[in-house]
Amino acid sequence: MTARSERRWRILFRVVLGLASVVTLLCLTLVFATLRNDGAIGGSTGNANADVVSVTFDRTIIRFVTPDGEVHIPPNGVLYPDGLNEGDLVRIEYDTTNPDLVRVAGRSAALAMLPLGSTIGFTWLAAAPLLWWIRGRGRASPPPAEPVAAAEPAPAVDG
């Protein structure tokens, strides 16, 4: 194997390792973000009923009224919206200091752990064998060994 070919395998190894690491880092960041959001909501919880205004693949928009009579429509939608449909009336919990931070009542960051953990697991389940294969292919094959001459038997000593 030439030095150039070895270098290519080494670069490919680093790219695969880097991609798997980035996916892992993003998932771990999301775990900490969900825990932080739940902590903020838990620290100053407000409760309300909300109308589900719109459901798209990336967010669920709701509208609710706080006790002071102000109508809120969080621009980022509601956290943990699984199973909600447009037109539903849903009980929510929100951060009273930041009413745009809202989750469906009774749901928490625990709902995010399974998909994020699975993503990390499947990423490394795919990356580990690929990295092992690349590493094996990237190693230079050792030069052929020189044949070893048969050793002559030692002279017998009478004694």
N, C-alpha and C. Protein backbone atom coordinates (compact mmCIF):
# COMPACT_ATOMS: atom_id res chain seq x y z
N MET A 1 0.85 -1.17 0.00
CA MET A 1 0.00 0.00 0.00
C MET A 1 0.90 1.23 0.00
N THR A 2 0.56 2.18 -0.81
CA THR A 2 1.39 3.38 -0.92
C THR A 2 1.07 4.34 0.22
N ALA A 3 1.97 5.26 0.42
CA ALA A 3 1.78 6.26 1.47
C ALA A 3 0.56 7.11 1.18
N ARG A 4 0.30 7.39 -0.09
CA ARG A 4 -0.85 8.20 -0.48
C ARG A 4 -2.17 7.47 -0.15
N SER A 5 -2.19 6.20 -0.44
CA SER A 5 -3.38 5.39 -0.16
C SER A 5 -3.61 5.30 1.34
N GLU A 6 -2.54 5.11 2.08
CA GLU A 6 -2.64 5.06 3.54
C GLU A 6 -3.20 6.36 4.10
N ARG A 7 -2.76 7.46 3.53
CA ARG A 7 -3.23 8.78 3.97
C ARG A 7 -4.73 8.94 3.72
N ARG A 8 -5.20 8.46 2.58
CA ARG A 8 -6.63 8.54 2.26
C ARG A 8 -7.46 7.75 3.27
N TRP A 9 -7.00 6.55 3.62
CA TRP A 9 -7.73 5.75 4.60
C TRP A 9 -7.75 6.44 5.96
N ARG A 10 -6.62 7.05 6.31
CA ARG A 10 -6.54 7.77 7.58
C ARG A 10 -7.51 8.95 7.60
N ILE A 11 -7.60 9.68 6.49
CA ILE A 11 -8.54 10.81 6.39
C ILE A 11 -9.98 10.30 6.48
N LEU A 12 -10.31 9.23 5.77
CA LEU A 12 -11.65 8.65 5.82
C LEU A 12 -12.01 8.23 7.25
N PHE A 13 -11.06 7.64 7.94
CA PHE A 13 -11.27 7.23 9.33
C PHE A 13 -11.64 8.44 10.19
N ARG A 14 -10.89 9.51 10.01
CA ARG A 14 -11.16 10.73 10.80
C ARG A 14 -12.50 11.36 10.45
N VAL A 15 -12.88 11.31 9.18
CA VAL A 15 -14.17 11.87 8.76
C VAL A 15 -15.32 11.09 9.41
N VAL A 16 -15.27 9.77 9.33
CA VAL A 16 -16.32 8.94 9.92
C VAL A 16 -16.37 9.15 11.43
N LEU A 17 -15.23 9.15 12.07
CA LEU A 17 -15.16 9.37 13.51
C LEU A 17 -15.71 10.76 13.86
N GLY A 18 -15.35 11.77 13.07
CA GLY A 18 -15.84 13.13 13.30
C GLY A 18 -17.34 13.24 13.16
N LEU A 19 -17.91 12.61 12.12
CA LEU A 19 -19.37 12.66 11.92
C LEU A 19 -20.11 11.99 13.06
N ALA A 20 -19.65 10.83 13.46
CA ALA A 20 -20.29 10.12 14.57
C ALA A 20 -20.18 10.94 15.86
N SER A 21 -19.05 11.58 16.06
CA SER A 21 -18.86 12.41 17.26
C SER A 21 -19.77 13.64 17.24
N VAL A 22 -19.94 14.25 16.08
CA VAL A 22 -20.82 15.42 15.97
C VAL A 22 -22.26 15.03 16.26
N VAL A 23 -22.72 13.91 15.71
CA VAL A 23 -24.09 13.45 15.98
C VAL A 23 -24.27 13.21 17.48
N THR A 24 -23.29 12.58 18.11
CA THR A 24 -23.35 12.32 19.55
C THR A 24 -23.39 13.63 20.34
N LEU A 25 -22.54 14.57 19.97
CA LEU A 25 -22.51 15.86 20.66
C LEU A 25 -23.83 16.60 20.52
N LEU A 26 -24.42 16.57 19.32
CA LEU A 26 -25.71 17.24 19.11
C LEU A 26 -26.80 16.60 19.97
N CYS A 27 -26.82 15.30 20.02
CA CYS A 27 -27.83 14.61 20.84
C CYS A 27 -27.65 14.92 22.32
N LEU A 28 -26.41 14.91 22.79
CA LEU A 28 -26.16 15.24 24.20
C LEU A 28 -26.54 16.68 24.50
N THR A 29 -26.30 17.58 23.56
CA THR A 29 -26.71 18.97 23.73
C THR A 29 -28.22 19.07 23.86
N LEU A 30 -28.94 18.32 23.04
CA LEU A 30 -30.40 18.32 23.13
C LEU A 30 -30.89 17.76 24.47
N VAL A 31 -30.21 16.75 24.98
CA VAL A 31 -30.58 16.20 26.29
C VAL A 31 -30.47 17.29 27.35
N PHE A 32 -29.35 17.99 27.37
CA PHE A 32 -29.16 19.05 28.37
C PHE A 32 -30.13 20.20 28.16
N ALA A 33 -30.47 20.51 26.90
CA ALA A 33 -31.43 21.59 26.62
C ALA A 33 -32.82 21.22 27.13
N THR A 34 -33.23 19.97 26.92
CA THR A 34 -34.55 19.58 27.42
C THR A 34 -34.60 19.60 28.95
N LEU A 35 -33.51 19.18 29.57
CA LEU A 35 -33.46 19.22 31.04
C LEU A 35 -33.50 20.66 31.55
N ARG A 36 -32.80 21.55 30.87
CA ARG A 36 -32.80 22.97 31.26
C ARG A 36 -34.20 23.57 31.09
N ASN A 37 -34.86 23.29 29.96
CA ASN A 37 -36.20 23.81 29.73
C ASN A 37 -37.18 23.29 30.77
N ASP A 38 -37.10 22.00 31.08
CA ASP A 38 -37.99 21.44 32.10
C ASP A 38 -37.71 22.07 33.47
N GLY A 39 -36.44 22.31 33.75
CA GLY A 39 -36.10 22.97 35.02
C GLY A 39 -36.66 24.38 35.10
N ALA A 40 -36.61 25.10 33.99
CA ALA A 40 -37.15 26.48 33.97
C ALA A 40 -38.66 26.46 34.16
N ILE A 41 -39.33 25.53 33.49
CA ILE A 41 -40.78 25.45 33.65
C ILE A 41 -41.13 25.00 35.07
N GLY A 42 -40.38 24.04 35.59
CA GLY A 42 -40.63 23.55 36.95
C GLY A 42 -40.35 24.59 38.01
N GLY A 43 -39.44 25.53 37.73
CA GLY A 43 -39.09 26.56 38.71
C GLY A 43 -40.17 27.59 38.92
N SER A 44 -40.94 27.89 37.91
CA SER A 44 -42.04 28.86 38.03
C SER A 44 -43.14 28.43 37.07
N THR A 45 -43.91 27.46 37.51
CA THR A 45 -44.91 26.83 36.66
C THR A 45 -46.23 27.58 36.67
N GLY A 46 -46.73 27.80 35.46
CA GLY A 46 -48.09 28.30 35.28
C GLY A 46 -48.86 27.25 34.51
N ASN A 47 -50.16 27.15 34.76
CA ASN A 47 -50.99 26.17 34.08
C ASN A 47 -52.08 26.88 33.30
N ALA A 48 -52.44 26.30 32.17
CA ALA A 48 -53.51 26.88 31.35
C ALA A 48 -54.01 25.81 30.39
N ASN A 49 -55.14 26.13 29.77
CA ASN A 49 -55.65 25.31 28.67
C ASN A 49 -55.26 26.01 27.39
N ALA A 50 -54.86 25.24 26.38
CA ALA A 50 -54.41 25.83 25.13
C ALA A 50 -55.13 25.18 23.97
N ASP A 51 -55.36 25.97 22.93
CA ASP A 51 -55.91 25.46 21.68
C ASP A 51 -54.76 25.14 20.75
N VAL A 52 -54.79 23.97 20.12
CA VAL A 52 -53.77 23.62 19.14
C VAL A 52 -54.17 24.30 17.83
N VAL A 53 -53.34 25.24 17.39
CA VAL A 53 -53.63 26.04 16.22
C VAL A 53 -53.15 25.36 14.94
N SER A 54 -51.95 24.80 15.00
CA SER A 54 -51.35 24.22 13.80
C SER A 54 -50.39 23.11 14.20
N VAL A 55 -50.36 22.05 13.38
CA VAL A 55 -49.44 20.94 13.61
C VAL A 55 -48.68 20.71 12.31
N THR A 56 -47.36 20.89 12.37
CA THR A 56 -46.50 20.60 11.22
C THR A 56 -45.43 19.62 11.68
N PHE A 57 -44.60 19.18 10.73
CA PHE A 57 -43.59 18.17 11.09
C PHE A 57 -42.56 18.70 12.07
N ASP A 58 -42.31 20.01 12.09
CA ASP A 58 -41.24 20.52 12.95
C ASP A 58 -41.73 21.23 14.22
N ARG A 59 -43.01 21.53 14.32
CA ARG A 59 -43.52 22.15 15.55
C ARG A 59 -45.04 22.15 15.58
N THR A 60 -45.55 22.31 16.79
CA THR A 60 -46.99 22.39 17.02
C THR A 60 -47.25 23.74 17.68
N ILE A 61 -48.04 24.56 17.01
CA ILE A 61 -48.33 25.91 17.51
C ILE A 61 -49.62 25.86 18.33
N ILE A 62 -49.56 26.52 19.49
CA ILE A 62 -50.72 26.58 20.38
C ILE A 62 -51.02 28.04 20.72
N ARG A 63 -52.23 28.25 21.25
CA ARG A 63 -52.63 29.59 21.72
C ARG A 63 -53.24 29.40 23.11
N PHE A 64 -52.78 30.21 24.06
CA PHE A 64 -53.34 30.13 25.41
C PHE A 64 -53.37 31.52 26.03
N VAL A 65 -54.18 31.64 27.07
CA VAL A 65 -54.34 32.91 27.78
C VAL A 65 -53.81 32.74 29.19
N THR A 66 -52.94 33.68 29.61
CA THR A 66 -52.40 33.65 30.97
C THR A 66 -53.40 34.31 31.91
N PRO A 67 -53.25 34.13 33.23
CA PRO A 67 -54.20 34.71 34.19
C PRO A 67 -54.33 36.24 34.08
N ASP A 68 -53.31 36.91 33.56
CA ASP A 68 -53.41 38.37 33.41
C ASP A 68 -54.19 38.77 32.15
N GLY A 69 -54.71 37.78 31.42
CA GLY A 69 -55.53 38.05 30.24
C GLY A 69 -54.77 38.19 28.94
N GLU A 70 -53.46 38.01 28.98
CA GLU A 70 -52.65 38.15 27.77
C GLU A 70 -52.67 36.84 26.98
N VAL A 71 -52.87 36.97 25.65
CA VAL A 71 -52.88 35.80 24.77
C VAL A 71 -51.45 35.54 24.31
N HIS A 72 -51.03 34.29 24.41
CA HIS A 72 -49.68 33.89 23.99
C HIS A 72 -49.76 32.83 22.91
N ILE A 73 -48.93 33.01 21.90
CA ILE A 73 -48.74 32.00 20.85
C ILE A 73 -47.23 31.83 20.73
N PRO A 74 -46.67 30.84 21.45
CA PRO A 74 -45.21 30.66 21.43
C PRO A 74 -44.71 30.40 20.00
N PRO A 75 -43.74 31.19 19.54
CA PRO A 75 -43.25 31.04 18.15
C PRO A 75 -42.56 29.71 17.89
N ASN A 76 -42.00 29.09 18.92
CA ASN A 76 -41.33 27.80 18.73
C ASN A 76 -42.25 26.62 19.00
N GLY A 77 -43.49 26.90 19.31
CA GLY A 77 -44.44 25.83 19.57
C GLY A 77 -44.35 25.30 20.98
N VAL A 78 -44.91 24.11 21.16
CA VAL A 78 -44.99 23.49 22.47
C VAL A 78 -44.01 22.31 22.53
N LEU A 79 -43.43 22.09 23.70
CA LEU A 79 -42.52 20.95 23.88
C LEU A 79 -43.32 19.66 24.05
N TYR A 80 -42.82 18.56 23.53
CA TYR A 80 -43.40 17.23 23.66
C TYR A 80 -44.83 17.16 23.12
N PRO A 81 -45.02 17.52 21.85
CA PRO A 81 -46.39 17.61 21.30
C PRO A 81 -46.95 16.31 20.74
N ASP A 82 -46.29 15.21 20.95
CA ASP A 82 -46.71 13.95 20.32
C ASP A 82 -48.19 13.66 20.54
N GLY A 83 -48.88 13.37 19.46
CA GLY A 83 -50.28 12.99 19.54
C GLY A 83 -51.27 14.13 19.49
N LEU A 84 -50.82 15.36 19.42
CA LEU A 84 -51.74 16.49 19.35
C LEU A 84 -52.21 16.70 17.92
N ASN A 85 -53.45 17.13 17.78
CA ASN A 85 -54.03 17.42 16.48
C ASN A 85 -54.59 18.83 16.47
N GLU A 86 -54.62 19.41 15.29
CA GLU A 86 -55.18 20.75 15.15
C GLU A 86 -56.61 20.77 15.67
N GLY A 87 -56.92 21.78 16.49
CA GLY A 87 -58.25 21.91 17.07
C GLY A 87 -58.39 21.31 18.45
N ASP A 88 -57.39 20.54 18.91
CA ASP A 88 -57.45 19.94 20.25
C ASP A 88 -57.35 21.02 21.32
N LEU A 89 -57.96 20.75 22.46
CA LEU A 89 -57.79 21.57 23.65
C LEU A 89 -56.90 20.75 24.58
N VAL A 90 -55.78 21.33 25.01
CA VAL A 90 -54.79 20.58 25.78
C VAL A 90 -54.38 21.37 27.01
N ARG A 91 -54.14 20.66 28.08
CA ARG A 91 -53.65 21.28 29.32
C ARG A 91 -52.14 21.47 29.17
N ILE A 92 -51.65 22.66 29.49
CA ILE A 92 -50.22 22.95 29.34
C ILE A 92 -49.64 23.49 30.64
N GLU A 93 -48.31 23.43 30.71
CA GLU A 93 -47.55 24.07 31.78
C GLU A 93 -46.57 25.01 31.10
N TYR A 94 -46.39 26.19 31.65
CA TYR A 94 -45.48 27.16 31.04
C TYR A 94 -44.66 27.85 32.11
N ASP A 95 -43.56 28.44 31.68
CA ASP A 95 -42.68 29.20 32.58
C ASP A 95 -43.30 30.58 32.73
N THR A 96 -43.69 30.94 33.95
CA THR A 96 -44.35 32.23 34.15
C THR A 96 -43.43 33.41 33.87
N THR A 97 -42.13 33.20 33.96
CA THR A 97 -41.19 34.29 33.64
C THR A 97 -40.92 34.39 32.14
N ASN A 98 -41.25 33.34 31.40
CA ASN A 98 -41.09 33.31 29.94
C ASN A 98 -42.22 32.46 29.36
N PRO A 99 -43.39 33.07 29.14
CA PRO A 99 -44.55 32.29 28.69
C PRO A 99 -44.40 31.64 27.31
N ASP A 100 -43.33 31.94 26.61
CA ASP A 100 -43.09 31.28 25.32
C ASP A 100 -42.47 29.89 25.51
N LEU A 101 -42.10 29.55 26.72
CA LEU A 101 -41.54 28.23 27.03
C LEU A 101 -42.66 27.37 27.61
N VAL A 102 -43.21 26.47 26.78
CA VAL A 102 -44.43 25.74 27.12
C VAL A 102 -44.24 24.25 26.84
N ARG A 103 -44.82 23.42 27.71
CA ARG A 103 -44.85 21.97 27.46
C ARG A 103 -46.26 21.46 27.74
N VAL A 104 -46.57 20.32 27.18
CA VAL A 104 -47.84 19.67 27.46
C VAL A 104 -47.78 19.17 28.90
N ALA A 105 -48.83 19.43 29.66
CA ALA A 105 -48.87 19.03 31.07
C ALA A 105 -48.67 17.53 31.21
N GLY A 106 -47.85 17.15 32.17
CA GLY A 106 -47.61 15.74 32.45
C GLY A 106 -46.50 15.12 31.62
N ARG A 107 -45.95 15.87 30.70
CA ARG A 107 -44.86 15.35 29.87
C ARG A 107 -43.56 16.03 30.29
N SER A 108 -42.45 15.32 30.08
CA SER A 108 -41.17 15.88 30.53
C SER A 108 -40.05 15.48 29.57
N ALA A 109 -38.84 15.86 29.95
CA ALA A 109 -37.65 15.56 29.14
C ALA A 109 -37.43 14.06 28.98
N ALA A 110 -38.03 13.26 29.85
CA ALA A 110 -37.87 11.80 29.74
C ALA A 110 -38.36 11.29 28.38
N LEU A 111 -39.32 11.99 27.78
CA LEU A 111 -39.82 11.59 26.46
C LEU A 111 -38.76 11.74 25.37
N ALA A 112 -37.81 12.63 25.58
CA ALA A 112 -36.77 12.87 24.57
C ALA A 112 -35.61 11.89 24.71
N MET A 113 -35.49 11.23 25.83
CA MET A 113 -34.33 10.38 26.08
C MET A 113 -34.28 9.15 25.16
N LEU A 114 -35.41 8.51 24.92
CA LEU A 114 -35.40 7.31 24.08
C LEU A 114 -34.98 7.63 22.64
N PRO A 115 -35.58 8.64 21.98
CA PRO A 115 -35.13 8.91 20.61
C PRO A 115 -33.68 9.39 20.54
N LEU A 116 -33.27 10.20 21.49
CA LEU A 116 -31.89 10.69 21.46
C LEU A 116 -30.90 9.58 21.79
N GLY A 117 -31.22 8.75 22.77
CA GLY A 117 -30.36 7.62 23.09
C GLY A 117 -30.28 6.63 21.94
N SER A 118 -31.41 6.40 21.28
CA SER A 118 -31.42 5.51 20.12
C SER A 118 -30.57 6.07 18.98
N THR A 119 -30.67 7.36 18.78
CA THR A 119 -29.88 7.99 17.71
C THR A 119 -28.39 7.82 17.99
N ILE A 120 -27.99 8.05 19.23
CA ILE A 120 -26.58 7.87 19.59
C ILE A 120 -26.18 6.40 19.40
N GLY A 121 -27.01 5.51 19.89
CA GLY A 121 -26.70 4.08 19.80
C GLY A 121 -26.58 3.60 18.35
N PHE A 122 -27.54 3.96 17.51
CA PHE A 122 -27.50 3.52 16.11
C PHE A 122 -26.35 4.19 15.34
N THR A 123 -26.02 5.42 15.71
CA THR A 123 -24.89 6.08 15.07
C THR A 123 -23.61 5.29 15.30
N TRP A 124 -23.37 4.92 16.56
CA TRP A 124 -22.14 4.18 16.86
C TRP A 124 -22.23 2.71 16.44
N LEU A 125 -23.46 2.19 16.36
CA LEU A 125 -23.63 0.83 15.85
C LEU A 125 -23.22 0.75 14.38
N ALA A 126 -23.45 1.84 13.65
CA ALA A 126 -23.03 1.89 12.24
C ALA A 126 -21.57 2.31 12.12
N ALA A 127 -21.15 3.27 12.94
CA ALA A 127 -19.80 3.83 12.81
C ALA A 127 -18.71 2.87 13.29
N ALA A 128 -18.94 2.15 14.37
CA ALA A 128 -17.89 1.30 14.94
C ALA A 128 -17.39 0.24 13.96
N PRO A 129 -18.29 -0.55 13.33
CA PRO A 129 -17.76 -1.53 12.37
C PRO A 129 -17.10 -0.87 11.17
N LEU A 130 -17.66 0.27 10.75
CA LEU A 130 -17.06 0.98 9.62
C LEU A 130 -15.66 1.48 9.98
N LEU A 131 -15.51 2.02 11.17
CA LEU A 131 -14.19 2.48 11.61
C LEU A 131 -13.22 1.31 11.72
N TRP A 132 -13.69 0.18 12.25
CA TRP A 132 -12.84 -1.00 12.37
C TRP A 132 -12.38 -1.46 10.99
N TRP A 133 -13.32 -1.48 10.02
CA TRP A 133 -12.98 -1.91 8.67
C TRP A 133 -12.00 -0.94 8.00
N ILE A 134 -12.26 0.37 8.16
CA ILE A 134 -11.36 1.37 7.57
C ILE A 134 -9.97 1.26 8.18
N ARG A 135 -9.92 1.09 9.48
CA ARG A 135 -8.62 0.98 10.15
C ARG A 135 -7.84 -0.22 9.65
N GLY A 136 -8.52 -1.33 9.45
CA GLY A 136 -7.86 -2.53 8.92
C GLY A 136 -7.38 -2.34 7.49
N ARG A 137 -8.18 -1.64 6.68
CA ARG A 137 -7.79 -1.40 5.29
C ARG A 137 -6.67 -0.37 5.19
N GLY A 138 -6.63 0.53 6.16
CA GLY A 138 -5.65 1.61 6.10
C GLY A 138 -4.27 1.24 6.57
N ARG A 139 -4.18 0.13 7.24
CA ARG A 139 -2.86 -0.30 7.71
C ARG A 139 -2.05 -0.83 6.54
N ALA A 140 -0.82 -0.46 6.52
CA ALA A 140 0.06 -0.97 5.45
C ALA A 140 0.33 -2.44 5.72
N SER A 141 0.29 -3.22 4.67
CA SER A 141 0.61 -4.63 4.87
C SER A 141 2.11 -4.74 5.13
N PRO A 142 2.49 -5.56 6.07
CA PRO A 142 3.91 -5.67 6.42
C PRO A 142 4.69 -6.24 5.24
N PRO A 143 5.96 -5.86 5.13
CA PRO A 143 6.76 -6.42 4.04
C PRO A 143 6.88 -7.92 4.21
N PRO A 144 7.03 -8.64 3.10
CA PRO A 144 7.12 -10.10 3.22
C PRO A 144 8.33 -10.49 4.06
N ALA A 145 8.12 -11.46 4.89
CA ALA A 145 9.19 -11.90 5.79
C ALA A 145 10.22 -12.69 4.99
N GLU A 146 11.47 -12.52 5.38
CA GLU A 146 12.54 -13.27 4.73
C GLU A 146 12.54 -14.68 5.28
N PRO A 147 12.75 -15.66 4.41
CA PRO A 147 12.74 -17.03 4.92
C PRO A 147 13.89 -17.24 5.92
N VAL A 148 13.58 -17.94 6.94
CA VAL A 148 14.57 -18.24 7.97
C VAL A 148 15.23 -19.56 7.62
N ALA A 149 16.57 -19.54 7.60
CA ALA A 149 17.32 -20.78 7.27
C ALA A 149 17.14 -21.76 8.41
N ALA A 150 17.03 -23.01 8.05
CA ALA A 150 16.87 -24.04 9.08
C ALA A 150 18.13 -24.07 9.92
N ALA A 151 17.96 -24.11 11.19
CA ALA A 151 19.11 -24.13 12.09
C ALA A 151 19.78 -25.49 12.03
N GLU A 152 21.10 -25.46 12.06
CA GLU A 152 21.85 -26.72 12.05
C GLU A 152 21.81 -27.30 13.45
N PRO A 153 21.68 -28.59 13.52
CA PRO A 153 21.65 -29.20 14.86
C PRO A 153 22.99 -29.01 15.55
N ALA A 154 22.89 -28.81 16.84
CA ALA A 154 24.11 -28.63 17.64
C ALA A 154 24.88 -29.94 17.70
N PRO A 155 26.20 -29.85 17.67
CA PRO A 155 26.97 -31.08 17.74
C PRO A 155 26.75 -31.78 19.08
N ALA A 156 26.69 -33.05 19.03
CA ALA A 156 26.46 -33.84 20.23
C ALA A 156 27.74 -33.84 21.07
N VAL A 157 27.57 -33.73 22.33
CA VAL A 157 28.72 -33.73 23.24
C VAL A 157 28.70 -35.05 24.00
N ASP A 158 29.84 -35.77 23.92
CA ASP A 158 29.92 -37.04 24.66
C ASP A 158 30.37 -36.71 26.07
N GLY A 159 29.86 -37.34 26.90
CA GLY A 159 30.35 -37.02 28.20
C GLY A 159 30.11 -37.90 29.26
